[in-house]
């Protein structure tokens, strides 16, 4: 069984390498932030822990953080999260459901949506003889990013598990433009000498994204902007490596989990504290205190960066809490931007149901 599993993983990686090579040959342009909306993640618990979750992910949200973390599930799980950023201007929603298959691993489906809604479209508004616009000609549209994951996880060998997420992304700017993209994530997770470790190769195939623009929807401004109007193009988003470790301390009535992650990017952002050429390293640290499996308190640090003169170090503190009520876990996470971009609030629900025969 293990040899077949290893073969499957190697085939996926090989297919991904072919996709990366093909992307270079077809003239794709690098898009540093082509899927950045997904960096918000899934679940209020990881946010509160500073997004240091790749090694300790063990519920349905692992489909995003590390697909290998799904393997430990023995129950059906569903989760929903709502988040708002920039003082409520940008909304973000996540929903996921995981199903353990007896002796054959775990599968999960996930959906993400980020949107700025109720944007006024004034392109078709005309003024009367007095220069007053007709408000009835103003319509509304949304700018949205969506993603859909199909995830599978299984055991590789004792104390090591693997998982893979197939992803489809869609970005839409009202009636004017939309894009479709696809990629794969591959994750590993295990235990060694009392530590939990995790590795998630995100967009291992390189995210391919194809934009198209509706020129008819922009016809009213064509005479003004002419060749400056946007056109459809192909984008690629380079892979990201998430790696981390976690350590759990069990005390009477109390469990303490500490975690540290690093996100390694190759797209030349240079927006984080540690950079080496086009490679940047984003550290995340967090901790969780659980009392009698009922109450959880969490804190962390993420978003380490410097100003343009590299003279001041910034970090984004995060805090949160959770409570278990029967089969439902309610979690809240909060973070405050060091750049005065408003607060981020996340509220999520996690429902666990006994699987068949359990």
Protein backbone atom coordinates (compact mmCIF):
# COMPACT_ATOMS: atom_id res chain seq x y z
CA UNK A 1 0.00 0.00 0.00
CA UNK A 2 2.79 2.40 0.89
CA UNK A 3 4.61 1.84 -2.40
CA UNK A 4 1.44 2.67 -4.33
CA UNK A 5 0.98 5.81 -2.24
CA UNK A 6 4.54 6.94 -2.88
CA UNK A 7 4.08 6.35 -6.61
CA UNK A 8 0.94 8.48 -6.57
CA UNK A 9 2.74 11.35 -4.82
CA UNK A 10 5.67 11.18 -7.26
CA UNK A 11 3.30 11.24 -10.24
CA UNK A 12 1.61 14.36 -8.86
CA UNK A 13 4.96 16.12 -8.27
CA UNK A 14 6.20 15.14 -11.74
CA UNK A 15 3.01 16.49 -13.32
CA UNK A 16 3.51 19.69 -11.37
CA UNK A 17 7.07 20.13 -12.63
CA UNK A 18 5.85 19.70 -16.20
CA UNK A 19 3.25 22.38 -15.60
CA UNK A 20 5.87 24.79 -14.29
CA UNK A 21 8.05 24.18 -17.36
CA UNK A 22 5.08 24.68 -19.66
CA UNK A 23 4.23 27.97 -17.98
CA UNK A 24 7.61 29.43 -18.86
CA UNK A 25 7.22 28.31 -22.47
CA UNK A 26 3.78 29.92 -22.92
CA UNK A 27 4.76 33.44 -21.90
CA UNK A 28 2.97 33.74 -18.56
CA UNK A 29 3.70 36.84 -16.50
CA UNK A 30 4.58 36.61 -12.82
CA UNK A 31 1.78 37.76 -10.52
CA UNK A 32 3.11 38.25 -7.01
CA UNK A 33 -0.35 38.60 -5.47
CA UNK A 34 -2.43 36.50 -7.85
CA UNK A 35 -3.87 34.38 -5.03
CA UNK A 36 -3.02 36.53 -2.03
CA UNK A 37 -6.62 36.53 -0.79
CA UNK A 38 -6.09 32.89 0.22
CA UNK A 39 -3.36 33.93 2.66
CA UNK A 40 -6.17 34.71 5.10
CA UNK A 41 -6.64 30.97 5.45
CA UNK A 42 -9.44 29.05 7.14
CA UNK A 43 -10.65 29.14 10.73
CA UNK A 44 -10.36 31.63 13.57
CA UNK A 45 -8.11 29.33 15.60
CA UNK A 46 -5.10 29.57 13.23
CA UNK A 47 -5.44 33.36 12.98
CA UNK A 48 -5.37 33.70 16.77
CA UNK A 49 -2.20 31.56 16.84
CA UNK A 50 -0.41 33.89 14.43
CA UNK A 51 -1.08 31.53 11.48
CA UNK A 52 1.51 29.10 12.89
CA UNK A 53 -0.57 26.04 12.09
CA UNK A 54 1.09 23.87 9.44
CA UNK A 55 2.40 21.34 12.01
CA UNK A 56 -0.62 21.23 14.33
CA UNK A 57 -3.49 21.42 11.80
CA UNK A 58 -5.76 18.51 12.70
CA UNK A 59 -9.31 19.44 11.72
CA UNK A 60 -11.27 20.20 8.54
CA UNK A 61 -9.40 23.51 8.05
CA UNK A 62 -6.23 21.49 7.47
CA UNK A 63 -7.35 21.24 3.83
CA UNK A 64 -5.91 24.75 3.54
CA UNK A 65 -3.11 24.82 6.14
CA UNK A 66 -1.71 21.35 5.49
CA UNK A 67 -3.82 18.74 3.70
CA UNK A 68 -1.93 15.95 5.48
CA UNK A 69 -3.50 17.09 8.77
CA UNK A 70 -6.89 15.74 7.69
CA UNK A 71 -5.77 12.14 8.14
CA UNK A 72 -6.32 12.09 11.91
CA UNK A 73 -10.05 12.81 11.59
CA UNK A 74 -12.36 10.03 12.77
CA UNK A 75 -15.56 12.11 12.63
CA UNK A 76 -17.43 14.08 10.02
CA UNK A 77 -16.51 17.73 10.40
CA UNK A 78 -17.96 20.91 9.00
CA UNK A 79 -16.74 24.46 9.48
CA UNK A 80 -17.83 27.98 8.59
CA UNK A 81 -15.92 31.23 9.10
CA UNK A 82 -16.70 34.87 8.47
CA UNK A 83 -14.06 37.58 8.56
CA UNK A 84 -13.94 41.30 7.86
CA UNK A 85 -10.90 43.46 7.14
CA UNK A 86 -10.16 47.13 6.58
CA UNK A 87 -12.96 48.18 8.91
CA UNK A 88 -15.54 46.00 7.18
CA UNK A 89 -14.82 47.02 3.58
CA UNK A 90 -13.58 43.55 2.60
CA UNK A 91 -15.57 40.48 3.65
CA UNK A 92 -14.25 36.93 3.61
CA UNK A 93 -16.12 33.64 4.02
CA UNK A 94 -14.96 30.04 4.24
CA UNK A 95 -16.86 26.76 4.45
CA UNK A 96 -15.52 23.21 4.52
CA UNK A 97 -16.64 19.64 5.11
CA UNK A 98 -14.53 16.52 5.72
CA UNK A 99 -15.49 12.85 5.56
CA UNK A 100 -13.32 10.00 6.89
CA UNK A 101 -13.41 6.88 4.72
CA UNK A 102 -12.82 3.73 6.75
CA UNK A 103 -9.36 2.43 5.94
CA UNK A 104 -9.06 4.70 2.91
CA UNK A 105 -8.14 8.09 4.30
CA UNK A 106 -10.13 11.32 4.49
CA UNK A 107 -11.62 13.55 1.80
CA UNK A 108 -12.74 17.17 2.15
CA UNK A 109 -14.26 19.96 0.10
CA UNK A 110 -13.67 23.66 0.84
CA UNK A 111 -14.91 26.95 -0.57
CA UNK A 112 -13.55 30.48 -0.08
CA UNK A 113 -14.93 33.87 -1.08
CA UNK A 114 -13.46 37.34 -0.61
CA UNK A 115 -15.42 40.29 -1.87
CA UNK A 116 -15.87 44.03 -1.97
CA UNK A 117 -19.58 44.48 -2.64
CA UNK A 118 -21.88 47.32 -3.66
CA UNK A 119 -19.35 49.17 -5.81
CA UNK A 120 -21.07 51.84 -7.89
CA UNK A 121 -20.86 51.50 -11.67
CA UNK A 122 -21.27 54.95 -13.22
CA UNK A 123 -20.04 54.13 -16.73
CA UNK A 124 -23.56 54.29 -18.17
CA UNK A 125 -24.64 57.42 -16.32
CA UNK A 126 -25.49 60.47 -18.42
CA UNK A 127 -26.20 63.98 -17.21
CA UNK A 128 -29.13 66.15 -18.20
CA UNK A 129 -28.93 69.67 -19.65
CA UNK A 130 -28.12 71.02 -16.21
CA UNK A 131 -25.24 68.60 -15.71
CA UNK A 132 -27.08 66.53 -13.11
CA UNK A 133 -26.54 62.76 -13.39
CA UNK A 134 -29.50 60.40 -13.45
CA UNK A 135 -29.17 58.20 -10.31
CA UNK A 136 -31.41 55.51 -11.82
CA UNK A 137 -28.61 54.69 -14.26
CA UNK A 138 -26.17 53.82 -11.47
CA UNK A 139 -25.77 50.07 -10.96
CA UNK A 140 -23.82 48.05 -8.42
CA UNK A 141 -21.21 45.35 -8.88
CA UNK A 142 -18.81 43.27 -6.77
CA UNK A 143 -15.12 42.49 -7.02
CA UNK A 144 -14.69 38.92 -5.80
CA UNK A 145 -12.11 36.18 -5.47
CA UNK A 146 -13.26 32.60 -4.96
CA UNK A 147 -11.52 29.25 -4.56
CA UNK A 148 -12.65 25.64 -4.36
CA UNK A 149 -10.53 22.82 -2.88
CA UNK A 150 -10.90 19.07 -3.22
CA UNK A 151 -8.59 17.39 -0.68
CA UNK A 152 -7.50 13.84 0.08
CA UNK A 153 -5.27 12.63 2.95
CA UNK A 154 -3.90 9.25 3.96
CA UNK A 155 -1.06 7.63 5.88
CA UNK A 156 2.35 7.31 4.27
CA UNK A 157 3.89 5.21 7.02
CA UNK A 158 3.85 5.09 10.80
CA UNK A 159 3.72 8.60 12.27
CA UNK A 160 3.84 10.23 8.82
CA UNK A 161 0.81 11.23 6.74
CA UNK A 162 0.35 12.98 3.42
CA UNK A 163 -2.35 14.95 1.66
CA UNK A 164 -3.06 16.76 -1.59
CA UNK A 165 -5.47 19.59 -2.45
CA UNK A 166 -6.61 20.30 -6.01
CA UNK A 167 -7.58 23.97 -6.30
CA UNK A 168 -9.68 25.97 -8.72
CA UNK A 169 -9.73 29.78 -8.40
CA UNK A 170 -12.00 32.41 -9.92
CA UNK A 171 -11.57 36.18 -9.78
CA UNK A 172 -14.25 38.51 -11.08
CA UNK A 173 -14.50 42.29 -11.37
CA UNK A 174 -18.20 42.86 -11.97
CA UNK A 175 -19.15 42.50 -15.64
CA UNK A 176 -15.77 43.79 -16.81
CA UNK A 177 -13.27 40.97 -16.29
CA UNK A 178 -12.86 37.52 -14.84
CA UNK A 179 -10.12 34.91 -14.45
CA UNK A 180 -9.83 31.18 -13.82
CA UNK A 181 -6.84 29.43 -12.30
CA UNK A 182 -5.77 26.04 -11.01
CA UNK A 183 -2.98 24.42 -9.00
CA UNK A 184 -2.13 21.72 -6.43
CA UNK A 185 -0.93 21.73 -2.81
CA UNK A 186 0.95 18.74 -1.36
CA UNK A 187 1.46 18.34 2.38
CA UNK A 188 3.31 16.11 4.83
CA UNK A 189 2.90 15.90 8.58
CA UNK A 190 4.47 13.72 11.25
CA UNK A 191 5.91 13.27 14.72
CA UNK A 192 9.46 12.86 15.92
CA UNK A 193 10.96 12.94 19.42
CA UNK A 194 7.91 14.57 20.93
CA UNK A 195 7.62 17.26 18.25
CA UNK A 196 5.03 17.60 15.51
CA UNK A 197 6.33 18.80 12.16
CA UNK A 198 4.56 19.88 8.99
CA UNK A 199 5.38 20.80 5.40
CA UNK A 200 2.96 22.20 2.83
CA UNK A 201 4.12 22.81 -0.74
CA UNK A 202 1.50 25.30 -1.87
CA UNK A 203 0.89 25.76 -5.60
CA UNK A 204 3.54 23.15 -6.28
CA UNK A 205 2.39 23.06 -9.91
CA UNK A 206 2.62 26.86 -10.10
CA UNK A 207 -0.78 28.54 -10.13
CA UNK A 208 -1.97 29.17 -13.68
CA UNK A 209 -4.44 32.04 -14.00
CA UNK A 210 -6.14 33.15 -17.23
CA UNK A 211 -7.79 36.60 -17.41
CA UNK A 212 -10.36 37.75 -19.94
CA UNK A 213 -11.82 41.25 -20.34
CA UNK A 214 -15.25 42.13 -21.73
CA UNK A 215 -14.46 45.01 -24.07
CA UNK A 216 -18.17 45.70 -24.66
CA UNK A 217 -18.68 46.41 -20.94
CA UNK A 218 -15.93 49.06 -21.21
CA UNK A 219 -17.13 50.52 -24.50
CA UNK A 220 -18.21 53.83 -22.91
CA UNK A 221 -14.64 54.71 -21.92
CA UNK A 222 -12.93 53.26 -24.97
CA UNK A 223 -12.70 56.62 -26.72
CA UNK A 224 -11.01 58.13 -23.66
CA UNK A 225 -8.48 55.45 -22.74
CA UNK A 226 -8.17 53.57 -26.06
CA UNK A 227 -5.06 51.38 -25.93
CA UNK A 228 -4.73 51.91 -22.17
CA UNK A 229 -7.72 49.68 -21.51
CA UNK A 230 -6.86 46.37 -19.81
CA UNK A 231 -6.71 43.20 -21.86
CA UNK A 232 -6.77 39.56 -20.84
CA UNK A 233 -3.46 37.86 -20.08
CA UNK A 234 -2.02 34.71 -18.54
CA UNK A 235 -0.54 34.88 -15.05
CA UNK A 236 1.44 32.50 -12.93
CA UNK A 237 1.93 32.48 -9.17
CA UNK A 238 5.08 30.73 -7.99
CA UNK A 239 4.99 28.07 -5.25
CA UNK A 240 5.14 28.83 -1.54
CA UNK A 241 6.64 26.51 1.07
CA UNK A 242 5.03 26.40 4.51
CA UNK A 243 7.16 24.60 7.10
CA UNK A 244 6.77 24.40 10.84
CA UNK A 245 7.09 22.59 14.14
CA UNK A 246 4.82 22.35 17.17
CA UNK A 247 5.28 21.05 20.70
CA UNK A 248 2.52 19.99 23.07
CA UNK A 249 2.80 20.03 26.86
CA UNK A 250 0.19 18.07 28.84
CA UNK A 251 -0.47 19.14 32.42
CA UNK A 252 -3.34 18.27 34.80
CA UNK A 253 -6.47 19.82 33.21
CA UNK A 254 -4.29 21.96 30.96
CA UNK A 255 -2.69 21.47 27.54
CA UNK A 256 -0.23 23.97 26.11
CA UNK A 257 0.61 23.97 22.39
CA UNK A 258 3.43 26.09 21.01
CA UNK A 259 4.11 26.45 17.29
CA UNK A 260 6.51 28.17 14.91
CA UNK A 261 6.19 28.36 11.11
CA UNK A 262 7.96 29.99 8.21
CA UNK A 263 6.46 30.79 4.81
CA UNK A 264 9.09 30.77 2.08
CA UNK A 265 8.18 32.68 -1.10
CA UNK A 266 10.10 32.93 -4.37
CA UNK A 267 8.26 35.79 -6.10
CA UNK A 268 10.51 38.69 -5.14
CA UNK A 269 8.03 40.50 -2.89
CA UNK A 270 10.71 41.67 -0.43
CA UNK A 271 7.95 42.85 1.88
CA UNK A 272 8.95 40.72 4.86
CA UNK A 273 11.65 41.07 7.46
CA UNK A 274 13.95 38.39 6.03
CA UNK A 275 14.85 38.39 2.33
CA UNK A 276 17.54 36.84 0.16
CA UNK A 277 17.30 38.03 -3.41
CA UNK A 278 13.86 37.07 -4.68
CA UNK A 279 13.31 34.68 -1.76
CA UNK A 280 11.49 35.97 1.30
CA UNK A 281 10.89 34.31 4.66
CA UNK A 282 7.81 35.10 6.73
CA UNK A 283 7.97 33.71 10.28
CA UNK A 284 4.86 33.05 12.37
CA UNK A 285 4.70 32.04 16.04
CA UNK A 286 1.78 31.14 18.25
CA UNK A 287 0.53 29.35 21.35
CA UNK A 288 -2.71 27.83 22.62
CA UNK A 289 -3.81 27.09 26.19
CA UNK A 290 -6.62 24.54 26.55
CA UNK A 291 -8.40 23.94 29.85
CA UNK A 292 -10.23 20.61 30.24
CA UNK A 293 -10.92 20.50 26.47
CA UNK A 294 -13.57 23.18 27.04
CA UNK A 295 -11.91 26.60 26.89
CA UNK A 296 -9.07 27.77 24.64
CA UNK A 297 -6.94 30.92 24.85
CA UNK A 298 -4.58 31.78 21.99
CA UNK A 299 -1.98 34.38 20.99
CA UNK A 300 0.64 34.84 18.30
CA UNK A 301 2.77 37.10 16.12
CA UNK A 302 2.81 37.27 12.32
CA UNK A 303 3.56 39.69 9.48
CA UNK A 304 7.11 40.57 10.51
CA UNK A 305 8.27 43.41 8.26
CA UNK A 306 10.34 46.59 8.17
CA UNK A 307 9.79 50.07 6.82
CA UNK A 308 11.41 51.25 3.59
CA UNK A 309 14.55 52.29 5.48
CA UNK A 310 14.80 48.94 7.34
CA UNK A 311 15.06 50.95 10.53
CA UNK A 312 11.99 49.67 12.37
CA UNK A 313 10.63 46.17 12.81
CA UNK A 314 6.87 45.64 12.73
CA UNK A 315 4.90 42.59 13.79
CA UNK A 316 1.19 41.87 13.74
CA UNK A 317 -0.05 40.60 17.14
CA UNK A 318 -2.97 38.18 17.21
CA UNK A 319 -5.21 36.95 20.03
CA UNK A 320 -8.31 34.82 20.31
CA UNK A 321 -10.38 32.36 22.27
CA UNK A 322 -12.57 29.32 21.76
CA UNK A 323 -15.16 27.29 23.66
CA UNK A 324 -16.52 23.79 23.16
CA UNK A 325 -20.26 23.32 23.51
CA UNK A 326 -21.15 19.70 22.89
CA UNK A 327 -20.40 18.88 19.27
CA UNK A 328 -19.79 22.56 18.40
CA UNK A 329 -16.62 24.58 18.85
CA UNK A 330 -16.91 28.37 18.57
CA UNK A 331 -13.69 30.30 17.89
CA UNK A 332 -12.86 33.99 17.66
CA UNK A 333 -9.67 35.56 16.36
CA UNK A 334 -8.47 39.16 16.29
CA UNK A 335 -5.50 40.91 14.73
CA UNK A 336 -4.51 44.54 14.43
CA UNK A 337 -2.51 45.86 11.52
CA UNK A 338 0.64 47.82 12.48
CA UNK A 339 0.06 50.08 9.45
CA UNK A 340 -3.30 51.54 10.54
CA UNK A 341 -5.27 49.47 8.03
CA UNK A 342 -8.00 48.58 10.50
CA UNK A 343 -8.68 45.52 12.59
CA UNK A 344 -9.41 41.97 11.45
CA UNK A 345 -12.13 39.95 13.18
CA UNK A 346 -12.84 36.29 12.51
CA UNK A 347 -15.60 34.13 13.90
CA UNK A 348 -15.79 30.44 13.04
CA UNK A 349 -17.87 27.39 13.95
CA UNK A 350 -16.62 23.81 13.92
CA UNK A 351 -19.18 20.99 14.02
CA UNK A 352 -18.09 17.38 14.64
CA UNK A 353 -20.48 14.50 14.01
CA UNK A 354 -19.87 10.77 14.60
CA UNK A 355 -19.11 8.98 11.36
CA UNK A 356 -20.96 5.84 10.39
CA UNK A 357 -20.22 2.99 12.76
CA UNK A 358 -18.41 5.23 15.25
